[in-house]
Amino acid sequence: MLLFLVAALLRSASSFNFFAPSLRQTALSPLSGSRTSIIGGNWKMNPTTLSEATDLAKEVAGASLRGEAIVFPPMPFLGPVSEIVKDSPIHLGAQLVYHEDKGAFTGAVSSSMVKSLGVTYVLAGHSERRVVFGEDDAEINRQVLKTIADGMYPVLCIGETKDEYDAGLVESVCAIQLAKDLAGVSKEDMKNIVIAYEPVWAIGTGLVCPSDVAQ
């Protein structure tokens, strides 16, 4: 799973781009050679205005991209961006969902809310959600299961820190995250999961993850 920069998304300086194998159309192992390429752009908390978001969405929708492509705009922009990309090959993604359907959860967004706006993919386990917002593997697992239950595709982000990488713990860290975050996911549902390897130490640092490690 290689990091892949998409020129049409670079106007959003903090966008995260991943190149990941999709398990949606095959029950093959994620380490097998038969994988579907996906290009994803996580806009994070960018841009700052609706007009900028719609301009960026129009640029992305008009770009020529290989493989499947997904954009993950901030929540307030999902509706307008959905209208722009709905007739393009671009899929719409949400940056997160909460695991409850509704209720007294101030600031939370349910999967049914984003699905009603045309979302088909949902991020779970992004390193910033883990580190900045303190989401643990139990919460990430609930998000994954809820996304699947509501008929959308989770994009599960896993990856190690620089200290873990230097200590040679890449495989063990990723294996633990996969085991915890995918607990309760059936073999049949695994075809609806996208795994995005996201080495934390290579995000915005100028450091590059070797291709053999990524694979």
C-alpha atoms as a PDB file:
ATOM      1  CA  MET A   1       0.000   0.000   0.000  1.00  0.00           C
ATOM      2  CA  LEU A   2       1.919   2.989  -1.241  1.00  0.00           C
ATOM      3  CA  LEU A   3       1.389   6.640  -0.523  1.00  0.00           C
ATOM      4  CA  PHE A   4       0.336   8.258  -3.778  1.00  0.00           C
ATOM      5  CA  LEU A   5       0.036  12.030  -4.365  1.00  0.00           C
ATOM      6  CA  VAL A   6      -2.783  13.220  -6.558  1.00  0.00           C
ATOM      7  CA  ALA A   7      -2.020  16.516  -8.253  1.00  0.00           C
ATOM      8  CA  ALA A   8      -5.651  17.607  -8.267  1.00  0.00           C
ATOM      9  CA  LEU A   9      -5.765  17.360  -4.458  1.00  0.00           C
ATOM     10  CA  LEU A  10      -2.563  19.249  -3.661  1.00  0.00           C
ATOM     11  CA  ARG A  11      -4.315  22.607  -3.406  1.00  0.00           C
ATOM     12  CA  SER A  12      -5.399  21.444   0.030  1.00  0.00           C
ATOM     13  CA  ALA A  13      -2.013  21.595   1.725  1.00  0.00           C
ATOM     14  CA  SER A  14      -2.840  19.174   4.508  1.00  0.00           C
ATOM     15  CA  SER A  15      -4.674  16.585   2.434  1.00  0.00           C
ATOM     16  CA  PHE A  16      -3.753  12.983   3.138  1.00  0.00           C
ATOM     17  CA  ASN A  17      -3.547  10.752   0.113  1.00  0.00           C
ATOM     18  CA  PHE A  18      -3.389   6.995   0.232  1.00  0.00           C
ATOM     19  CA  PHE A  19      -2.956   4.294  -2.335  1.00  0.00           C
ATOM     20  CA  ALA A  20      -4.500   1.169  -0.907  1.00  0.00           C
ATOM     21  CA  PRO A  21      -5.691  -2.268  -1.896  1.00  0.00           C
ATOM     22  CA  SER A  22      -9.424  -2.729  -1.793  1.00  0.00           C
ATOM     23  CA  LEU A  23     -10.928  -5.919  -0.444  1.00  0.00           C
ATOM     24  CA  ARG A  24     -14.406  -4.899  -1.602  1.00  0.00           C
ATOM     25  CA  GLN A  25     -14.441  -7.034  -4.737  1.00  0.00           C
ATOM     26  CA  THR A  26     -12.334  -9.961  -3.612  1.00  0.00           C
ATOM     27  CA  ALA A  27     -11.959 -12.111  -0.546  1.00  0.00           C
ATOM     28  CA  LEU A  28      -8.244 -12.470  -1.250  1.00  0.00           C
ATOM     29  CA  SER A  29      -5.669 -11.750   1.430  1.00  0.00           C
ATOM     30  CA  PRO A  30      -4.526  -8.107   1.597  1.00  0.00           C
ATOM     31  CA  LEU A  31      -1.026  -9.387   0.898  1.00  0.00           C
ATOM     32  CA  SER A  32      -2.034 -11.107  -2.319  1.00  0.00           C
ATOM     33  CA  GLY A  33      -1.113  -9.755  -5.716  1.00  0.00           C
ATOM     34  CA  SER A  34      -4.687  -9.265  -6.965  1.00  0.00           C
ATOM     35  CA  ARG A  35      -5.811  -5.956  -5.504  1.00  0.00           C
ATOM     36  CA  THR A  36      -7.856  -2.995  -6.618  1.00  0.00           C
ATOM     37  CA  SER A  37      -6.066   0.361  -6.489  1.00  0.00           C
ATOM     38  CA  ILE A  38      -7.804   3.190  -4.646  1.00  0.00           C
ATOM     39  CA  ILE A  39      -6.701   6.819  -4.521  1.00  0.00           C
ATOM     40  CA  GLY A  40      -8.125   8.711  -1.549  1.00  0.00           C
ATOM     41  CA  GLY A  41      -7.861  12.355  -0.566  1.00  0.00           C
ATOM     42  CA  ASN A  42      -8.602  13.237   3.054  1.00  0.00           C
ATOM     43  CA  TRP A  43      -9.120  16.992   3.185  1.00  0.00           C
ATOM     44  CA  LYS A  44      -8.891  16.977   6.993  1.00  0.00           C
ATOM     45  CA  MET A  45      -9.952  20.424   8.313  1.00  0.00           C
ATOM     46  CA  ASN A  46      -9.399  22.052   4.931  1.00  0.00           C
ATOM     47  CA  PRO A  47     -10.356  24.215   3.134  1.00  0.00           C
ATOM     48  CA  THR A  48     -11.850  26.929   5.323  1.00  0.00           C
ATOM     49  CA  THR A  49     -14.825  28.051   3.216  1.00  0.00           C
ATOM     50  CA  LEU A  50     -17.597  26.413   1.218  1.00  0.00           C
ATOM     51  CA  SER A  51     -16.589  28.214  -1.985  1.00  0.00           C
ATOM     52  CA  GLU A  52     -13.054  26.850  -1.720  1.00  0.00           C
ATOM     53  CA  ALA A  53     -14.409  23.359  -1.076  1.00  0.00           C
ATOM     54  CA  THR A  54     -16.687  23.411  -4.105  1.00  0.00           C
ATOM     55  CA  ASP A  55     -13.896  24.757  -6.317  1.00  0.00           C
ATOM     56  CA  LEU A  56     -11.633  21.925  -5.171  1.00  0.00           C
ATOM     57  CA  ALA A  57     -14.391  19.355  -5.697  1.00  0.00           C
ATOM     58  CA  LYS A  58     -14.928  20.572  -9.261  1.00  0.00           C
ATOM     59  CA  GLU A  59     -11.211  20.286  -9.976  1.00  0.00           C
ATOM     60  CA  VAL A  60     -11.056  16.757  -8.573  1.00  0.00           C
ATOM     61  CA  ALA A  61     -14.219  15.673 -10.386  1.00  0.00           C
ATOM     62  CA  GLY A  62     -12.713  16.795 -13.680  1.00  0.00           C
ATOM     63  CA  ALA A  63      -9.356  15.089 -13.141  1.00  0.00           C
ATOM     64  CA  SER A  64      -8.256  11.972 -14.962  1.00  0.00           C
ATOM     65  CA  LEU A  65      -7.422   9.375 -12.296  1.00  0.00           C
ATOM     66  CA  ARG A  66      -6.528   5.707 -12.530  1.00  0.00           C
ATOM     67  CA  GLY A  67      -8.323   3.207 -10.330  1.00  0.00           C
ATOM     68  CA  GLU A  68     -11.060   4.132  -7.888  1.00  0.00           C
ATOM     69  CA  ALA A  69     -10.937   7.556  -6.260  1.00  0.00           C
ATOM     70  CA  ILE A  70     -12.537   8.899  -3.076  1.00  0.00           C
ATOM     71  CA  VAL A  71     -12.655  12.372  -1.522  1.00  0.00           C
ATOM     72  CA  PHE A  72     -13.191  12.909   2.210  1.00  0.00           C
ATOM     73  CA  PRO A  73     -14.293  16.542   2.713  1.00  0.00           C
ATOM     74  CA  PRO A  74     -15.040  18.078   6.124  1.00  0.00           C
ATOM     75  CA  MET A  75     -18.537  17.299   7.381  1.00  0.00           C
ATOM     76  CA  PRO A  76     -20.110  20.733   6.622  1.00  0.00           C
ATOM     77  CA  PHE A  77     -19.134  20.388   2.962  1.00  0.00           C
ATOM     78  CA  LEU A  78     -20.391  16.835   2.329  1.00  0.00           C
ATOM     79  CA  GLY A  79     -23.732  17.901   0.835  1.00  0.00           C
ATOM     80  CA  PRO A  80     -22.404  20.444  -1.683  1.00  0.00           C
ATOM     81  CA  VAL A  81     -19.458  18.227  -2.648  1.00  0.00           C
ATOM     82  CA  SER A  82     -21.824  15.293  -3.123  1.00  0.00           C
ATOM     83  CA  GLU A  83     -23.798  17.261  -5.704  1.00  0.00           C
ATOM     84  CA  ILE A  84     -20.594  18.040  -7.620  1.00  0.00           C
ATOM     85  CA  VAL A  85     -19.092  14.545  -7.721  1.00  0.00           C
ATOM     86  CA  LYS A  86     -22.297  12.505  -8.073  1.00  0.00           C
ATOM     87  CA  ASP A  87     -22.023  12.281 -11.878  1.00  0.00           C
ATOM     88  CA  SER A  88     -18.250  11.710 -11.852  1.00  0.00           C
ATOM     89  CA  PRO A  89     -16.178   8.589 -11.123  1.00  0.00           C
ATOM     90  CA  ILE A  90     -15.290  10.082  -7.720  1.00  0.00           C
ATOM     91  CA  HIS A  91     -16.773   8.422  -4.625  1.00  0.00           C
ATOM     92  CA  LEU A  92     -17.742  10.461  -1.566  1.00  0.00           C
ATOM     93  CA  GLY A  93     -16.299   9.602   1.829  1.00  0.00           C
ATOM     94  CA  ALA A  94     -16.819  10.811   5.401  1.00  0.00           C
ATOM     95  CA  GLN A  95     -13.907  11.428   7.747  1.00  0.00           C
ATOM     96  CA  LEU A  96     -15.647   9.677  10.643  1.00  0.00           C
ATOM     97  CA  VAL A  97     -18.952   8.490  12.081  1.00  0.00           C
ATOM     98  CA  TYR A  98     -20.116   7.779  15.610  1.00  0.00           C
ATOM     99  CA  HIS A  99     -21.327   4.276  16.400  1.00  0.00           C
ATOM    100  CA  GLU A 100     -24.770   5.291  17.715  1.00  0.00           C
ATOM    101  CA  ASP A 101     -27.776   5.924  15.459  1.00  0.00           C
ATOM    102  CA  LYS A 102     -28.991   9.067  17.239  1.00  0.00           C
ATOM    103  CA  GLY A 103     -29.320  10.632  20.666  1.00  0.00           C
ATOM    104  CA  ALA A 104     -27.721  13.087  23.081  1.00  0.00           C
ATOM    105  CA  PHE A 105     -24.219  12.983  21.572  1.00  0.00           C
ATOM    106  CA  THR A 106     -23.300  16.630  21.001  1.00  0.00           C
ATOM    107  CA  GLY A 107     -21.046  17.105  17.988  1.00  0.00           C
ATOM    108  CA  ALA A 108     -21.345  13.499  16.836  1.00  0.00           C
ATOM    109  CA  VAL A 109     -22.391  12.451  13.333  1.00  0.00           C
ATOM    110  CA  SER A 110     -24.186   9.171  12.633  1.00  0.00           C
ATOM    111  CA  SER A 111     -23.622   6.842   9.706  1.00  0.00           C
ATOM    112  CA  SER A 112     -27.210   7.309   8.537  1.00  0.00           C
ATOM    113  CA  MET A 113     -26.642  11.075   8.337  1.00  0.00           C
ATOM    114  CA  VAL A 114     -23.643  10.819   6.049  1.00  0.00           C
ATOM    115  CA  LYS A 115     -25.162   7.995   4.011  1.00  0.00           C
ATOM    116  CA  SER A 116     -28.178  10.207   3.272  1.00  0.00           C
ATOM    117  CA  LEU A 117     -25.758  12.688   1.674  1.00  0.00           C
ATOM    118  CA  GLY A 118     -24.332  10.114  -0.716  1.00  0.00           C
ATOM    119  CA  VAL A 119     -21.370   8.873   1.315  1.00  0.00           C
ATOM    120  CA  THR A 120     -20.185   5.361   0.468  1.00  0.00           C
ATOM    121  CA  TYR A 121     -16.808   5.241   2.286  1.00  0.00           C
ATOM    122  CA  VAL A 122     -15.965   6.126   5.893  1.00  0.00           C
ATOM    123  CA  LEU A 123     -12.529   6.594   7.454  1.00  0.00           C
ATOM    124  CA  ALA A 124     -11.836   4.813  10.743  1.00  0.00           C
ATOM    125  CA  GLY A 125      -8.696   4.743  12.841  1.00  0.00           C
ATOM    126  CA  HIS A 126      -6.901   7.676  11.230  1.00  0.00           C
ATOM    127  CA  SER A 127      -3.772   8.472  13.247  1.00  0.00           C
ATOM    128  CA  GLU A 128      -5.054  11.947  14.136  1.00  0.00           C
ATOM    129  CA  ARG A 129      -8.260  10.474  15.509  1.00  0.00           C
ATOM    130  CA  ARG A 130      -6.202   8.003  17.525  1.00  0.00           C
ATOM    131  CA  VAL A 131      -3.636  10.501  18.835  1.00  0.00           C
ATOM    132  CA  VAL A 132      -5.332  13.918  18.933  1.00  0.00           C
ATOM    133  CA  PHE A 133      -8.851  12.795  19.838  1.00  0.00           C
ATOM    134  CA  GLY A 134      -7.958   9.714  21.864  1.00  0.00           C
ATOM    135  CA  GLU A 135     -10.016   7.185  19.944  1.00  0.00           C
ATOM    136  CA  ASP A 136      -8.952   3.694  21.026  1.00  0.00           C
ATOM    137  CA  ASP A 137      -9.221   0.405  19.174  1.00  0.00           C
ATOM    138  CA  ALA A 138     -12.527  -0.431  20.869  1.00  0.00           C
ATOM    139  CA  GLU A 139     -14.147   2.757  19.544  1.00  0.00           C
ATOM    140  CA  ILE A 140     -12.597   2.274  16.105  1.00  0.00           C
ATOM    141  CA  ASN A 141     -13.965  -1.256  16.024  1.00  0.00           C
ATOM    142  CA  ARG A 142     -17.464   0.024  16.831  1.00  0.00           C
ATOM    143  CA  GLN A 143     -17.178   2.534  13.976  1.00  0.00           C
ATOM    144  CA  VAL A 144     -16.059  -0.172  11.543  1.00  0.00           C
ATOM    145  CA  LEU A 145     -18.919  -2.492  12.507  1.00  0.00           C
ATOM    146  CA  LYS A 146     -21.483   0.314  12.319  1.00  0.00           C
ATOM    147  CA  THR A 147     -20.256   1.416   8.895  1.00  0.00           C
ATOM    148  CA  ILE A 148     -20.570  -2.126   7.559  1.00  0.00           C
ATOM    149  CA  ALA A 149     -23.986  -2.616   9.158  1.00  0.00           C
ATOM    150  CA  ASP A 150     -25.281   0.502   7.435  1.00  0.00           C
ATOM    151  CA  GLY A 151     -24.066  -0.595   4.008  1.00  0.00           C
ATOM    152  CA  MET A 152     -20.966   1.533   3.553  1.00  0.00           C
ATOM    153  CA  TYR A 153     -17.294   0.671   3.152  1.00  0.00           C
ATOM    154  CA  PRO A 154     -14.902   1.336   6.067  1.00  0.00           C
ATOM    155  CA  VAL A 155     -11.427   2.577   5.208  1.00  0.00           C
ATOM    156  CA  LEU A 156      -9.435   1.352   8.193  1.00  0.00           C
ATOM    157  CA  CYS A 157      -6.185   3.233   8.755  1.00  0.00           C
ATOM    158  CA  ILE A 158      -3.369   1.405  10.522  1.00  0.00           C
ATOM    159  CA  GLY A 159       0.293   2.214  11.049  1.00  0.00           C
ATOM    160  CA  GLU A 160       3.173   2.565  13.444  1.00  0.00           C
ATOM    161  CA  THR A 161       5.024   5.508  15.013  1.00  0.00           C
ATOM    162  CA  LYS A 162       8.683   6.336  14.293  1.00  0.00           C
ATOM    163  CA  ASP A 163       9.817   4.707  17.544  1.00  0.00           C
ATOM    164  CA  GLU A 164       7.892   1.546  16.687  1.00  0.00           C
ATOM    165  CA  TYR A 165       9.322   1.550  13.168  1.00  0.00           C
ATOM    166  CA  ASP A 166      12.887   1.980  14.445  1.00  0.00           C
ATOM    167  CA  ALA A 167      12.320  -0.863  16.909  1.00  0.00           C
ATOM    168  CA  GLY A 168      11.270  -3.197  14.094  1.00  0.00           C
ATOM    169  CA  LEU A 169       7.693  -3.467  15.349  1.00  0.00           C
ATOM    170  CA  VAL A 170       5.910  -2.591  12.104  1.00  0.00           C
ATOM    171  CA  GLU A 171       4.259  -5.966  11.541  1.00  0.00           C
ATOM    172  CA  SER A 172       3.362  -6.573  15.169  1.00  0.00           C
ATOM    173  CA  VAL A 173       1.840  -3.096  15.657  1.00  0.00           C
ATOM    174  CA  CYS A 174      -0.220  -3.400  12.473  1.00  0.00           C
ATOM    175  CA  ALA A 175      -1.277  -6.946  13.346  1.00  0.00           C
ATOM    176  CA  ILE A 176      -2.525  -5.852  16.769  1.00  0.00           C
ATOM    177  CA  GLN A 177      -4.462  -2.933  15.284  1.00  0.00           C
ATOM    178  CA  LEU A 178      -6.017  -5.188  12.649  1.00  0.00           C
ATOM    179  CA  ALA A 179      -7.006  -7.820  15.213  1.00  0.00           C
ATOM    180  CA  LYS A 180      -8.656  -5.282  17.524  1.00  0.00           C
ATOM    181  CA  ASP A 181     -10.191  -2.987  14.913  1.00  0.00           C
ATOM    182  CA  LEU A 182     -11.663  -5.845  12.866  1.00  0.00           C
ATOM    183  CA  ALA A 183     -12.988  -7.878  15.803  1.00  0.00           C
ATOM    184  CA  GLY A 184     -16.415  -9.248  14.955  1.00  0.00           C
ATOM    185  CA  VAL A 185     -16.076  -8.615  11.215  1.00  0.00           C
ATOM    186  CA  SER A 186     -17.135 -11.723   9.323  1.00  0.00           C
ATOM    187  CA  LYS A 187     -15.132 -13.338   6.554  1.00  0.00           C
ATOM    188  CA  GLU A 188     -17.896 -12.349   4.165  1.00  0.00           C
ATOM    189  CA  ASP A 189     -17.763  -8.701   5.265  1.00  0.00           C
ATOM    190  CA  MET A 190     -13.997  -8.535   4.763  1.00  0.00           C
ATOM    191  CA  LYS A 191     -14.625  -7.993   1.051  1.00  0.00           C
ATOM    192  CA  ASN A 192     -16.177  -4.646   2.056  1.00  0.00           C
ATOM    193  CA  ILE A 193     -13.122  -3.437   3.984  1.00  0.00           C
ATOM    194  CA  VAL A 194     -10.350  -1.189   2.687  1.00  0.00           C
ATOM    195  CA  ILE A 195      -7.100  -1.244   4.654  1.00  0.00           C
ATOM    196  CA  ALA A 196      -4.968   1.907   4.362  1.00  0.00           C
ATOM    197  CA  TYR A 197      -1.449   1.508   5.713  1.00  0.00           C
ATOM    198  CA  GLU A 198      -0.558   4.887   7.198  1.00  0.00           C
ATOM    199  CA  PRO A 199       2.937   5.002   8.758  1.00  0.00           C
ATOM    200  CA  VAL A 200       2.518   7.879  11.211  1.00  0.00           C
ATOM    201  CA  TRP A 201       6.171   8.900  10.959  1.00  0.00           C
ATOM    202  CA  ALA A 202       5.914   9.461   7.174  1.00  0.00           C
ATOM    203  CA  ILE A 203       2.977  11.895   7.286  1.00  0.00           C
ATOM    204  CA  GLY A 204       4.050  15.498   6.735  1.00  0.00           C
ATOM    205  CA  THR A 205       7.623  14.814   7.872  1.00  0.00           C
ATOM    206  CA  GLY A 206       9.421  14.499   4.548  1.00  0.00           C
ATOM    207  CA  LEU A 207      10.336  10.910   5.427  1.00  0.00           C
ATOM    208  CA  VAL A 208       9.360   8.196   2.951  1.00  0.00           C
ATOM    209  CA  CYS A 209       8.230   4.696   3.777  1.00  0.00           C
ATOM    210  CA  PRO A 210      10.212   2.094   1.753  1.00  0.00           C
ATOM    211  CA  SER A 211       8.009   0.282  -0.766  1.00  0.00           C
ATOM    212  CA  ASP A 212       8.957  -3.151   0.568  1.00  0.00           C
ATOM    213  CA  VAL A 213       7.791  -2.159   4.059  1.00  0.00           C
ATOM    214  CA  ALA A 214       4.544  -0.763   2.671  1.00  0.00           C
ATOM    215  CA  GLN A 215       3.835  -3.941   0.721  1.00  0.00           C
END
